[in-house]
Amino acid sequence: RFVARKIDPRKDAAFLVYSSGTTGKPKGVKLSHYNITSNILQLQAAENYILTWDWSRTSEGIPLRDPGIGGDKVLACLPFFYIYGLTVLVHSPVYSGVTTVVLSKFKVET
């Protein structure tokens, strides 16, 4: 049987993701529920809420499409086990209702 456990959203781990190791070796980073929700809200504010599920908003200089006929899409081409990939390409689109198109493999042809 499932037993619900009490958690502290500010302290308890929600995800264990990996840093890129820019200042040393790559390492695991514990993210709390609070970290994730705070970061999603920061992203939405920074992007001025322009990505929508129904094209009801747009950036300056880009014509507004007919709302209700589709919506914005995000191309996810980064691994989800890194902080940026998980937050920006998985959680933020789910929060805003935007479609995520997952690129299964990234290979640069020369």
C-alpha atoms as a PDB file:
ATOM      1  CA  ARG A   1       0.000   0.000   0.000  1.00  0.00           C
ATOM      2  CA  PHE A   2       1.038   3.550  -0.673  1.00  0.00           C
ATOM      3  CA  VAL A   3       1.744   5.652   2.379  1.00  0.00           C
ATOM      4  CA  ALA A   4       1.789   9.399   1.846  1.00  0.00           C
ATOM      5  CA  ARG A   5       4.852  10.996   3.389  1.00  0.00           C
ATOM      6  CA  LYS A   6       5.127  14.545   4.619  1.00  0.00           C
ATOM      7  CA  ILE A   7       7.680  16.570   2.748  1.00  0.00           C
ATOM      8  CA  ASP A   8       9.209  19.986   3.137  1.00  0.00           C
ATOM      9  CA  PRO A   9       9.045  21.537  -0.373  1.00  0.00           C
ATOM     10  CA  ARG A  10      11.888  23.934   0.469  1.00  0.00           C
ATOM     11  CA  LYS A  11      14.318  21.249   1.647  1.00  0.00           C
ATOM     12  CA  ASP A  12      13.385  17.796   0.369  1.00  0.00           C
ATOM     13  CA  ALA A  13      14.810  16.616  -2.938  1.00  0.00           C
ATOM     14  CA  ALA A  14      12.523  16.554  -5.949  1.00  0.00           C
ATOM     15  CA  PHE A  15      15.237  15.840  -8.545  1.00  0.00           C
ATOM     16  CA  LEU A  16      18.881  14.862  -8.654  1.00  0.00           C
ATOM     17  CA  VAL A  17      20.361  16.399 -11.789  1.00  0.00           C
ATOM     18  CA  TYR A  18      23.898  16.998 -12.958  1.00  0.00           C
ATOM     19  CA  SER A  19      25.933  20.146 -13.419  1.00  0.00           C
ATOM     20  CA  SER A  20      28.098  20.548 -16.496  1.00  0.00           C
ATOM     21  CA  GLY A  21      31.253  20.922 -14.424  1.00  0.00           C
ATOM     22  CA  THR A  22      32.233  24.367 -15.704  1.00  0.00           C
ATOM     23  CA  THR A  23      34.166  25.120 -12.515  1.00  0.00           C
ATOM     24  CA  GLY A  24      35.404  21.600 -11.876  1.00  0.00           C
ATOM     25  CA  LYS A  25      34.182  18.057 -12.309  1.00  0.00           C
ATOM     26  CA  PRO A  26      30.493  17.420 -13.115  1.00  0.00           C
ATOM     27  CA  LYS A  27      28.511  16.623  -9.986  1.00  0.00           C
ATOM     28  CA  GLY A  28      25.021  15.762  -8.817  1.00  0.00           C
ATOM     29  CA  VAL A  29      22.874  18.667  -7.670  1.00  0.00           C
ATOM     30  CA  LYS A  30      19.822  18.240  -5.436  1.00  0.00           C
ATOM     31  CA  LEU A  31      16.858  20.386  -6.478  1.00  0.00           C
ATOM     32  CA  SER A  32      13.889  20.883  -4.190  1.00  0.00           C
ATOM     33  CA  HIS A  33      10.270  21.365  -5.224  1.00  0.00           C
ATOM     34  CA  TYR A  34      10.700  25.006  -4.259  1.00  0.00           C
ATOM     35  CA  ASN A  35      13.752  25.364  -6.547  1.00  0.00           C
ATOM     36  CA  ILE A  36      11.830  23.999  -9.523  1.00  0.00           C
ATOM     37  CA  THR A  37       8.662  26.052  -9.054  1.00  0.00           C
ATOM     38  CA  SER A  38      10.645  29.237  -8.372  1.00  0.00           C
ATOM     39  CA  ASN A  39      12.729  28.729 -11.504  1.00  0.00           C
ATOM     40  CA  ILE A  40       9.651  28.101 -13.676  1.00  0.00           C
ATOM     41  CA  LEU A  41       8.042  31.325 -12.465  1.00  0.00           C
ATOM     42  CA  GLN A  42      11.307  33.222 -13.083  1.00  0.00           C
ATOM     43  CA  LEU A  43      11.464  31.863 -16.638  1.00  0.00           C
ATOM     44  CA  GLN A  44       7.866  32.813 -17.358  1.00  0.00           C
ATOM     45  CA  ALA A  45       8.443  36.372 -16.136  1.00  0.00           C
ATOM     46  CA  ALA A  46      11.734  36.715 -18.042  1.00  0.00           C
ATOM     47  CA  GLU A  47      10.078  35.559 -21.268  1.00  0.00           C
ATOM     48  CA  ASN A  48       7.195  37.955 -20.612  1.00  0.00           C
ATOM     49  CA  TYR A  49       4.740  35.032 -20.805  1.00  0.00           C
ATOM     50  CA  ILE A  50       4.908  35.024 -24.635  1.00  0.00           C
ATOM     51  CA  LEU A  51       4.927  31.238 -25.135  1.00  0.00           C
ATOM     52  CA  THR A  52       1.326  30.078 -25.025  1.00  0.00           C
ATOM     53  CA  TRP A  53      -0.711  26.994 -25.839  1.00  0.00           C
ATOM     54  CA  ASP A  54      -3.044  28.929 -28.165  1.00  0.00           C
ATOM     55  CA  TRP A  55      -0.874  31.700 -29.709  1.00  0.00           C
ATOM     56  CA  SER A  56      -2.701  34.342 -27.707  1.00  0.00           C
ATOM     57  CA  ARG A  57       0.505  36.391 -27.108  1.00  0.00           C
ATOM     58  CA  THR A  58       3.573  37.258 -29.144  1.00  0.00           C
ATOM     59  CA  SER A  59       6.765  39.314 -29.126  1.00  0.00           C
ATOM     60  CA  GLU A  60       6.972  42.835 -30.470  1.00  0.00           C
ATOM     61  CA  GLY A  61       7.275  42.814 -34.255  1.00  0.00           C
ATOM     62  CA  ILE A  62       5.906  39.285 -34.692  1.00  0.00           C
ATOM     63  CA  PRO A  63       2.326  39.203 -35.988  1.00  0.00           C
ATOM     64  CA  LEU A  64      -0.253  37.580 -33.749  1.00  0.00           C
ATOM     65  CA  ARG A  65      -1.772  34.423 -35.212  1.00  0.00           C
ATOM     66  CA  ASP A  66      -5.393  33.443 -34.855  1.00  0.00           C
ATOM     67  CA  PRO A  67      -5.840  32.217 -31.273  1.00  0.00           C
ATOM     68  CA  GLY A  68      -7.187  28.720 -30.876  1.00  0.00           C
ATOM     69  CA  ILE A  69      -5.693  27.156 -34.023  1.00  0.00           C
ATOM     70  CA  GLY A  70      -2.586  25.735 -32.379  1.00  0.00           C
ATOM     71  CA  GLY A  71       0.165  27.023 -30.204  1.00  0.00           C
ATOM     72  CA  ASP A  72       3.839  27.561 -29.645  1.00  0.00           C
ATOM     73  CA  LYS A  73       6.256  24.652 -29.700  1.00  0.00           C
ATOM     74  CA  VAL A  74       9.612  24.168 -27.992  1.00  0.00           C
ATOM     75  CA  LEU A  75      12.347  22.019 -29.561  1.00  0.00           C
ATOM     76  CA  ALA A  76      13.980  20.007 -26.774  1.00  0.00           C
ATOM     77  CA  CYS A  77      17.490  19.138 -27.922  1.00  0.00           C
ATOM     78  CA  LEU A  78      19.324  19.067 -24.584  1.00  0.00           C
ATOM     79  CA  PRO A  79      19.512  16.172 -22.101  1.00  0.00           C
ATOM     80  CA  PHE A  80      16.827  16.256 -19.426  1.00  0.00           C
ATOM     81  CA  PHE A  81      19.279  15.117 -16.731  1.00  0.00           C
ATOM     82  CA  TYR A  82      20.905  18.571 -16.771  1.00  0.00           C
ATOM     83  CA  ILE A  83      19.265  21.388 -14.832  1.00  0.00           C
ATOM     84  CA  TYR A  84      18.577  23.569 -17.885  1.00  0.00           C
ATOM     85  CA  GLY A  85      17.062  20.734 -19.901  1.00  0.00           C
ATOM     86  CA  LEU A  86      14.804  19.611 -17.073  1.00  0.00           C
ATOM     87  CA  THR A  87      13.591  23.071 -16.085  1.00  0.00           C
ATOM     88  CA  VAL A  88      13.376  24.914 -19.418  1.00  0.00           C
ATOM     89  CA  LEU A  89      12.489  22.051 -21.753  1.00  0.00           C
ATOM     90  CA  VAL A  90      10.299  19.848 -19.539  1.00  0.00           C
ATOM     91  CA  HIS A  91       8.730  21.745 -16.640  1.00  0.00           C
ATOM     92  CA  SER A  92       8.265  25.220 -18.108  1.00  0.00           C
ATOM     93  CA  PRO A  93       6.374  24.006 -21.222  1.00  0.00           C
ATOM     94  CA  VAL A  94       4.145  21.814 -19.045  1.00  0.00           C
ATOM     95  CA  TYR A  95       3.386  24.830 -16.843  1.00  0.00           C
ATOM     96  CA  SER A  96       2.460  27.044 -19.811  1.00  0.00           C
ATOM     97  CA  GLY A  97       0.771  24.311 -21.869  1.00  0.00           C
ATOM     98  CA  VAL A  98       3.246  24.622 -24.737  1.00  0.00           C
ATOM     99  CA  THR A  99       4.005  21.560 -26.880  1.00  0.00           C
ATOM    100  CA  THR A 100       7.500  20.104 -26.479  1.00  0.00           C
ATOM    101  CA  VAL A 101       9.019  18.368 -29.492  1.00  0.00           C
ATOM    102  CA  VAL A 102      11.801  16.054 -28.290  1.00  0.00           C
ATOM    103  CA  LEU A 103      14.803  15.654 -30.582  1.00  0.00           C
ATOM    104  CA  SER A 104      15.884  12.070 -29.890  1.00  0.00           C
ATOM    105  CA  LYS A 105      19.392  12.491 -31.241  1.00  0.00           C
ATOM    106  CA  PHE A 106      21.519  15.522 -32.029  1.00  0.00           C
ATOM    107  CA  LYS A 107      24.209  15.042 -34.623  1.00  0.00           C
ATOM    108  CA  VAL A 108      25.919  17.819 -36.530  1.00  0.00           C
ATOM    109  CA  GLU A 109      26.701  16.823 -40.077  1.00  0.00           C
ATOM    110  CA  THR A 110      29.836  18.344 -41.567  1.00  0.00           C
END
